[in-house]
Amino acid sequence: MTIVCKYSCGLCGVHRAEVEVPVRTTEDVRVWMDQVCIPAIVRDHEARSPGCHPDTLQELMIPTDGCQMIGGPVVN
């Protein structure tokens, strides 16, 4: 199961690129960010802009509507 996160890069101009990220299950939000979310976004950015090597990305958007926790699946 995945969620769609978005990010932007001020260096190469990627704007609100959508990335499918595995949902957070039982792990701490910091662990999920460090081991799942951020690596998925970095891989996506590297694939979109191989020559761009920013120190930071901008506008990381993680959906929260209908979720019980940050990074969690939407609950109906």
PDB file of N, CA and C in Angstrom:
ATOM      1  N   MET A   1       0.840  -1.156   0.000  1.00  0.00           N
ATOM      2  CA  MET A   1       0.000   0.000   0.000  1.00  0.00           C
ATOM      3  C   MET A   1       0.901   1.240   0.000  1.00  0.00           C
ATOM      4  N   THR A   2       0.514   2.249  -0.766  1.00  0.00           N
ATOM      5  CA  THR A   2       1.310   3.466  -0.875  1.00  0.00           C
ATOM      6  C   THR A   2       0.450   4.715  -0.685  1.00  0.00           C
ATOM      7  N   ILE A   3       1.129   5.824  -0.442  1.00  0.00           N
ATOM      8  CA  ILE A   3       0.500   7.138  -0.462  1.00  0.00           C
ATOM      9  C   ILE A   3       1.267   7.973  -1.474  1.00  0.00           C
ATOM     10  N   VAL A   4       0.663   9.045  -1.947  1.00  0.00           N
ATOM     11  CA  VAL A   4       1.334   9.928  -2.899  1.00  0.00           C
ATOM     12  C   VAL A   4       1.804  11.173  -2.157  1.00  0.00           C
ATOM     13  N   CYS A   5       3.114  11.343  -2.103  1.00  0.00           N
ATOM     14  CA  CYS A   5       3.722  12.530  -1.525  1.00  0.00           C
ATOM     15  C   CYS A   5       4.191  13.421  -2.669  1.00  0.00           C
ATOM     16  N   LYS A   6       4.410  14.693  -2.381  1.00  0.00           N
ATOM     17  CA  LYS A   6       4.891  15.633  -3.388  1.00  0.00           C
ATOM     18  C   LYS A   6       6.084  16.394  -2.824  1.00  0.00           C
ATOM     19  N   TYR A   7       6.943  16.850  -3.743  1.00  0.00           N
ATOM     20  CA  TYR A   7       8.092  17.679  -3.352  1.00  0.00           C
ATOM     21  C   TYR A   7       8.448  18.610  -4.503  1.00  0.00           C
ATOM     22  N   SER A   8       9.206  19.640  -4.178  1.00  0.00           N
ATOM     23  CA  SER A   8       9.729  20.562  -5.175  1.00  0.00           C
ATOM     24  C   SER A   8      11.224  20.725  -4.957  1.00  0.00           C
ATOM     25  N   CYS A   9      11.924  21.156  -6.016  1.00  0.00           N
ATOM     26  CA  CYS A   9      13.348  21.446  -5.931  1.00  0.00           C
ATOM     27  C   CYS A   9      13.586  22.825  -6.535  1.00  0.00           C
ATOM     28  N   GLY A  10      14.074  23.749  -5.730  1.00  0.00           N
ATOM     29  CA  GLY A  10      14.344  25.095  -6.198  1.00  0.00           C
ATOM     30  C   GLY A  10      15.561  25.185  -7.099  1.00  0.00           C
ATOM     31  N   LEU A  11      16.411  24.178  -7.075  1.00  0.00           N
ATOM     32  CA  LEU A  11      17.636  24.206  -7.867  1.00  0.00           C
ATOM     33  C   LEU A  11      17.381  23.838  -9.330  1.00  0.00           C
ATOM     34  N   CYS A  12      16.621  22.777  -9.572  1.00  0.00           N
ATOM     35  CA  CYS A  12      16.397  22.326 -10.950  1.00  0.00           C
ATOM     36  C   CYS A  12      14.991  22.635 -11.459  1.00  0.00           C
ATOM     37  N   GLY A  13      14.107  23.105 -10.584  1.00  0.00           N
ATOM     38  CA  GLY A  13      12.777  23.505 -11.032  1.00  0.00           C
ATOM     39  C   GLY A  13      11.706  22.430 -10.968  1.00  0.00           C
ATOM     40  N   VAL A  14      12.013  21.255 -10.456  1.00  0.00           N
ATOM     41  CA  VAL A  14      10.960  20.252 -10.266  1.00  0.00           C
ATOM     42  C   VAL A  14       9.929  20.873  -9.332  1.00  0.00           C
ATOM     43  N   HIS A  15       8.658  20.810  -9.726  1.00  0.00           N
ATOM     44  CA  HIS A  15       7.618  21.471  -8.939  1.00  0.00           C
ATOM     45  C   HIS A  15       6.513  20.483  -8.574  1.00  0.00           C
ATOM     46  N   ARG A  16       6.377  20.245  -7.299  1.00  0.00           N
ATOM     47  CA  ARG A  16       5.346  19.366  -6.752  1.00  0.00           C
ATOM     48  C   ARG A  16       5.251  18.023  -7.484  1.00  0.00           C
ATOM     49  N   ALA A  17       6.401  17.417  -7.668  1.00  0.00           N
ATOM     50  CA  ALA A  17       6.465  16.089  -8.290  1.00  0.00           C
ATOM     51  C   ALA A  17       5.788  15.082  -7.369  1.00  0.00           C
ATOM     52  N   GLU A  18       5.028  14.174  -7.954  1.00  0.00           N
ATOM     53  CA  GLU A  18       4.320  13.161  -7.178  1.00  0.00           C
ATOM     54  C   GLU A  18       5.148  11.883  -7.101  1.00  0.00           C
ATOM     55  N   VAL A  19       5.220  11.334  -5.892  1.00  0.00           N
ATOM     56  CA  VAL A  19       5.998  10.121  -5.632  1.00  0.00           C
ATOM     57  C   VAL A  19       5.157   9.167  -4.803  1.00  0.00           C
ATOM     58  N   GLU A  20       5.073   7.913  -5.240  1.00  0.00           N
ATOM     59  CA  GLU A  20       4.399   6.892  -4.424  1.00  0.00           C
ATOM     60  C   GLU A  20       5.374   6.412  -3.358  1.00  0.00           C
ATOM     61  N   VAL A  21       4.923   6.473  -2.112  1.00  0.00           N
ATOM     62  CA  VAL A  21       5.754   6.108  -0.966  1.00  0.00           C
ATOM     63  C   VAL A  21       5.013   5.041  -0.165  1.00  0.00           C
ATOM     64  N   PRO A  22       5.696   3.981   0.244  1.00  0.00           N
ATOM     65  CA  PRO A  22       5.031   2.984   1.093  1.00  0.00           C
ATOM     66  C   PRO A  22       4.462   3.630   2.357  1.00  0.00           C
ATOM     67  N   VAL A  23       3.264   3.206   2.750  1.00  0.00           N
ATOM     68  CA  VAL A  23       2.617   3.786   3.930  1.00  0.00           C
ATOM     69  C   VAL A  23       3.388   3.427   5.196  1.00  0.00           C
ATOM     70  N   ARG A  24       3.192   4.251   6.185  1.00  0.00           N
ATOM     71  CA  ARG A  24       3.760   3.989   7.508  1.00  0.00           C
ATOM     72  C   ARG A  24       2.851   2.993   8.217  1.00  0.00           C
ATOM     73  N   THR A  25       3.450   2.027   8.845  1.00  0.00           N
ATOM     74  CA  THR A  25       2.656   1.028   9.577  1.00  0.00           C
ATOM     75  C   THR A  25       2.846   1.246  11.074  1.00  0.00           C
ATOM     76  N   THR A  26       3.705   0.481  11.701  1.00  0.00           N
ATOM     77  CA  THR A  26       3.872   0.587  13.155  1.00  0.00           C
ATOM     78  C   THR A  26       5.117   1.358  13.574  1.00  0.00           C
ATOM     79  N   GLU A  27       5.986   1.693  12.621  1.00  0.00           N
ATOM     80  CA  GLU A  27       7.235   2.357  12.988  1.00  0.00           C
ATOM     81  C   GLU A  27       7.011   3.814  13.406  1.00  0.00           C
ATOM     82  N   ASP A  28       7.935   4.324  14.170  1.00  0.00           N
ATOM     83  CA  ASP A  28       7.921   5.716  14.589  1.00  0.00           C
ATOM     84  C   ASP A  28       7.999   6.610  13.349  1.00  0.00           C
ATOM     85  N   VAL A  29       7.370   7.780  13.411  1.00  0.00           N
ATOM     86  CA  VAL A  29       7.339   8.670  12.252  1.00  0.00           C
ATOM     87  C   VAL A  29       8.749   9.057  11.813  1.00  0.00           C
ATOM     88  N   ARG A  30       9.646   9.271  12.744  1.00  0.00           N
ATOM     89  CA  ARG A  30      11.030   9.634  12.391  1.00  0.00           C
ATOM     90  C   ARG A  30      11.712   8.500  11.638  1.00  0.00           C
ATOM     91  N   VAL A  31      11.507   7.267  12.065  1.00  0.00           N
ATOM     92  CA  VAL A  31      12.084   6.103  11.387  1.00  0.00           C
ATOM     93  C   VAL A  31      11.506   5.997   9.979  1.00  0.00           C
ATOM     94  N   TRP A  32      10.193   6.157   9.839  1.00  0.00           N
ATOM     95  CA  TRP A  32       9.545   6.092   8.522  1.00  0.00           C
ATOM     96  C   TRP A  32      10.092   7.177   7.600  1.00  0.00           C
ATOM     97  N   MET A  33      10.238   8.399   8.136  1.00  0.00           N
ATOM     98  CA  MET A  33      10.788   9.490   7.317  1.00  0.00           C
ATOM     99  C   MET A  33      12.207   9.168   6.864  1.00  0.00           C
ATOM    100  N   ASP A  34      13.062   8.743   7.799  1.00  0.00           N
ATOM    101  CA  ASP A  34      14.472   8.495   7.501  1.00  0.00           C
ATOM    102  C   ASP A  34      14.706   7.270   6.612  1.00  0.00           C
ATOM    103  N   GLN A  35      13.916   6.219   6.812  1.00  0.00           N
ATOM    104  CA  GLN A  35      14.182   4.958   6.125  1.00  0.00           C
ATOM    105  C   GLN A  35      13.272   4.674   4.935  1.00  0.00           C
ATOM    106  N   VAL A  36      12.138   5.364   4.841  1.00  0.00           N
ATOM    107  CA  VAL A  36      11.184   5.061   3.781  1.00  0.00           C
ATOM    108  C   VAL A  36      10.877   6.283   2.913  1.00  0.00           C
ATOM    109  N   CYS A  37      10.319   7.312   3.518  1.00  0.00           N
ATOM    110  CA  CYS A  37       9.830   8.466   2.763  1.00  0.00           C
ATOM    111  C   CYS A  37      10.954   9.239   2.073  1.00  0.00           C
ATOM    112  N   ILE A  38      11.918   9.715   2.831  1.00  0.00           N
ATOM    113  CA  ILE A  38      12.986  10.524   2.256  1.00  0.00           C
ATOM    114  C   ILE A  38      13.796   9.762   1.214  1.00  0.00           C
ATOM    115  N   PRO A  39      14.191   8.496   1.457  1.00  0.00           N
ATOM    116  CA  PRO A  39      14.899   7.776   0.400  1.00  0.00           C
ATOM    117  C   PRO A  39      14.080   7.629  -0.894  1.00  0.00           C
ATOM    118  N   ALA A  40      12.765   7.432  -0.789  1.00  0.00           N
ATOM    119  CA  ALA A  40      11.924   7.322  -1.988  1.00  0.00           C
ATOM    120  C   ALA A  40      11.918   8.641  -2.758  1.00  0.00           C
ATOM    121  N   ILE A  41      11.852   9.733  -2.041  1.00  0.00           N
ATOM    122  CA  ILE A  41      11.846  11.045  -2.691  1.00  0.00           C
ATOM    123  C   ILE A  41      13.201  11.349  -3.312  1.00  0.00           C
ATOM    124  N   VAL A  42      14.275  11.028  -2.630  1.00  0.00           N
ATOM    125  CA  VAL A  42      15.617  11.239  -3.176  1.00  0.00           C
ATOM    126  C   VAL A  42      15.802  10.414  -4.451  1.00  0.00           C
ATOM    127  N   ARG A  43      15.379   9.156  -4.449  1.00  0.00           N
ATOM    128  CA  ARG A  43      15.490   8.316  -5.656  1.00  0.00           C
ATOM    129  C   ARG A  43      14.706   8.921  -6.816  1.00  0.00           C
ATOM    130  N   ASP A  44      13.487   9.404  -6.519  1.00  0.00           N
ATOM    131  CA  ASP A  44      12.671  10.004  -7.564  1.00  0.00           C
ATOM    132  C   ASP A  44      13.349  11.252  -8.128  1.00  0.00           C
ATOM    133  N   HIS A  45      13.868  12.090  -7.251  1.00  0.00           N
ATOM    134  CA  HIS A  45      14.534  13.308  -7.710  1.00  0.00           C
ATOM    135  C   HIS A  45      15.759  12.983  -8.552  1.00  0.00           C
ATOM    136  N   GLU A  46      16.544  11.999  -8.123  1.00  0.00           N
ATOM    137  CA  GLU A  46      17.732  11.598  -8.890  1.00  0.00           C
ATOM    138  C   GLU A  46      17.355  11.081 -10.274  1.00  0.00           C
ATOM    139  N   ALA A  47      16.236  10.384 -10.369  1.00  0.00           N
ATOM    140  CA  ALA A  47      15.778   9.873 -11.666  1.00  0.00           C
ATOM    141  C   ALA A  47      15.272  11.003 -12.568  1.00  0.00           C
ATOM    142  N   ARG A  48      14.615  11.985 -11.991  1.00  0.00           N
ATOM    143  CA  ARG A  48      14.082  13.109 -12.771  1.00  0.00           C
ATOM    144  C   ARG A  48      15.169  14.100 -13.183  1.00  0.00           C
ATOM    145  N   SER A  49      16.125  14.339 -12.302  1.00  0.00           N
ATOM    146  CA  SER A  49      17.162  15.349 -12.519  1.00  0.00           C
ATOM    147  C   SER A  49      18.530  14.802 -12.126  1.00  0.00           C
ATOM    148  N   PRO A  50      19.092  13.930 -12.949  1.00  0.00           N
ATOM    149  CA  PRO A  50      20.352  13.277 -12.568  1.00  0.00           C
ATOM    150  C   PRO A  50      21.506  14.230 -12.274  1.00  0.00           C
ATOM    151  N   GLY A  51      21.530  15.393 -12.886  1.00  0.00           N
ATOM    152  CA  GLY A  51      22.633  16.323 -12.672  1.00  0.00           C
ATOM    153  C   GLY A  51      22.427  17.271 -11.512  1.00  0.00           C
ATOM    154  N   CYS A  52      21.282  17.212 -10.862  1.00  0.00           N
ATOM    155  CA  CYS A  52      20.961  18.120  -9.770  1.00  0.00           C
ATOM    156  C   CYS A  52      21.303  17.459  -8.433  1.00  0.00           C
ATOM    157  N   HIS A  53      22.037  18.185  -7.616  1.00  0.00           N
ATOM    158  CA  HIS A  53      22.441  17.652  -6.309  1.00  0.00           C
ATOM    159  C   HIS A  53      22.205  18.701  -5.224  1.00  0.00           C
ATOM    160  N   PRO A  54      20.932  18.950  -4.881  1.00  0.00           N
ATOM    161  CA  PRO A  54      20.639  19.982  -3.880  1.00  0.00           C
ATOM    162  C   PRO A  54      20.973  19.517  -2.460  1.00  0.00           C
ATOM    163  N   ASP A  55      21.229  20.467  -1.596  1.00  0.00           N
ATOM    164  CA  ASP A  55      21.422  20.155  -0.177  1.00  0.00           C
ATOM    165  C   ASP A  55      20.083  19.845   0.480  1.00  0.00           C
ATOM    166  N   THR A  56      19.012  20.490  -0.011  1.00  0.00           N
ATOM    167  CA  THR A  56      17.670  20.263   0.519  1.00  0.00           C
ATOM    168  C   THR A  56      16.661  20.320  -0.623  1.00  0.00           C
ATOM    169  N   LEU A  57      15.517  19.695  -0.402  1.00  0.00           N
ATOM    170  CA  LEU A  57      14.386  19.819  -1.308  1.00  0.00           C
ATOM    171  C   LEU A  57      13.353  20.696  -0.614  1.00  0.00           C
ATOM    172  N   GLN A  58      12.361  21.147  -1.367  1.00  0.00           N
ATOM    173  CA  GLN A  58      11.370  22.065  -0.825  1.00  0.00           C
ATOM    174  C   GLN A  58       9.982  21.459  -0.909  1.00  0.00           C
ATOM    175  N   GLU A  59       9.075  22.013  -0.150  1.00  0.00           N
ATOM    176  CA  GLU A  59       7.650  21.686  -0.217  1.00  0.00           C
ATOM    177  C   GLU A  59       7.355  20.191  -0.114  1.00  0.00           C
ATOM    178  N   LEU A  60       7.944  19.514   0.832  1.00  0.00           N
ATOM    179  CA  LEU A  60       7.583  18.115   1.029  1.00  0.00           C
ATOM    180  C   LEU A  60       6.151  18.060   1.545  1.00  0.00           C
ATOM    181  N   MET A  61       5.282  17.407   0.787  1.00  0.00           N
ATOM    182  CA  MET A  61       3.871  17.318   1.149  1.00  0.00           C
ATOM    183  C   MET A  61       3.493  15.859   1.378  1.00  0.00           C
ATOM    184  N   ILE A  62       3.041  15.584   2.583  1.00  0.00           N
ATOM    185  CA  ILE A  62       2.604  14.248   2.962  1.00  0.00           C
ATOM    186  C   ILE A  62       1.116  14.354   3.263  1.00  0.00           C
ATOM    187  N   PRO A  63       0.269  13.587   2.563  1.00  0.00           N
ATOM    188  CA  PRO A  63      -1.167  13.724   2.789  1.00  0.00           C
ATOM    189  C   PRO A  63      -1.560  13.325   4.210  1.00  0.00           C
ATOM    190  N   THR A  64      -2.500  14.094   4.759  1.00  0.00           N
ATOM    191  CA  THR A  64      -2.980  13.798   6.110  1.00  0.00           C
ATOM    192  C   THR A  64      -4.494  13.647   6.174  1.00  0.00           C
ATOM    193  N   ASP A  65      -5.212  14.094   5.156  1.00  0.00           N
ATOM    194  CA  ASP A  65      -6.674  13.977   5.159  1.00  0.00           C
ATOM    195  C   ASP A  65      -7.086  12.516   5.206  1.00  0.00           C
ATOM    196  N   GLY A  66      -7.913  12.162   6.159  1.00  0.00           N
ATOM    197  CA  GLY A  66      -8.427  10.811   6.280  1.00  0.00           C
ATOM    198  C   GLY A  66      -7.448   9.812   6.882  1.00  0.00           C
ATOM    199  N   CYS A  67      -6.320  10.294   7.378  1.00  0.00           N
ATOM    200  CA  CYS A  67      -5.305   9.417   7.966  1.00  0.00           C
ATOM    201  C   CYS A  67      -5.352   9.514   9.490  1.00  0.00           C
ATOM    202  N   GLN A  68      -5.004   8.437  10.145  1.00  0.00           N
ATOM    203  CA  GLN A  68      -4.937   8.459  11.604  1.00  0.00           C
ATOM    204  C   GLN A  68      -3.564   8.820  12.118  1.00  0.00           C
ATOM    205  N   MET A  69      -2.549   8.818  11.218  1.00  0.00           N
ATOM    206  CA  MET A  69      -1.194   9.192  11.603  1.00  0.00           C
ATOM    207  C   MET A  69      -0.457   9.673  10.361  1.00  0.00           C
ATOM    208  N   ILE A  70       0.588  10.457  10.559  1.00  0.00           N
ATOM    209  CA  ILE A  70       1.380  10.960   9.447  1.00  0.00           C
ATOM    210  C   ILE A  70       1.978   9.773   8.691  1.00  0.00           C
ATOM    211  N   GLY A  71       1.747   9.751   7.384  1.00  0.00           N
ATOM    212  CA  GLY A  71       2.282   8.677   6.548  1.00  0.00           C
ATOM    213  C   GLY A  71       1.405   7.441   6.510  1.00  0.00           C
ATOM    214  N   GLY A  72       0.337   7.449   7.269  1.00  0.00           N
ATOM    215  CA  GLY A  72      -0.542   6.280   7.324  1.00  0.00           C
ATOM    216  C   GLY A  72      -1.514   6.239   6.149  1.00  0.00           C
ATOM    217  N   PRO A  73      -2.152   5.103   5.985  1.00  0.00           N
ATOM    218  CA  PRO A  73      -3.129   4.965   4.900  1.00  0.00           C
ATOM    219  C   PRO A  73      -4.403   5.749   5.205  1.00  0.00           C
ATOM    220  N   VAL A  74      -5.128   6.066   4.166  1.00  0.00           N
ATOM    221  CA  VAL A  74      -6.424   6.726   4.339  1.00  0.00           C
ATOM    222  C   VAL A  74      -7.403   5.716   4.914  1.00  0.00           C
ATOM    223  N   VAL A  75      -8.126   6.141   5.954  1.00  0.00           N
ATOM    224  CA  VAL A  75      -9.114   5.284   6.585  1.00  0.00           C
ATOM    225  C   VAL A  75     -10.488   5.806   6.219  1.00  0.00           C
ATOM    226  N   ASN A  76     -11.332   4.937   5.704  1.00  0.00           N
ATOM    227  CA  ASN A  76     -12.681   5.365   5.313  1.00  0.00           C
ATOM    228  C   ASN A  76     -13.610   5.384   6.497  1.00  0.00           C
TER     229      ASN A  76
END
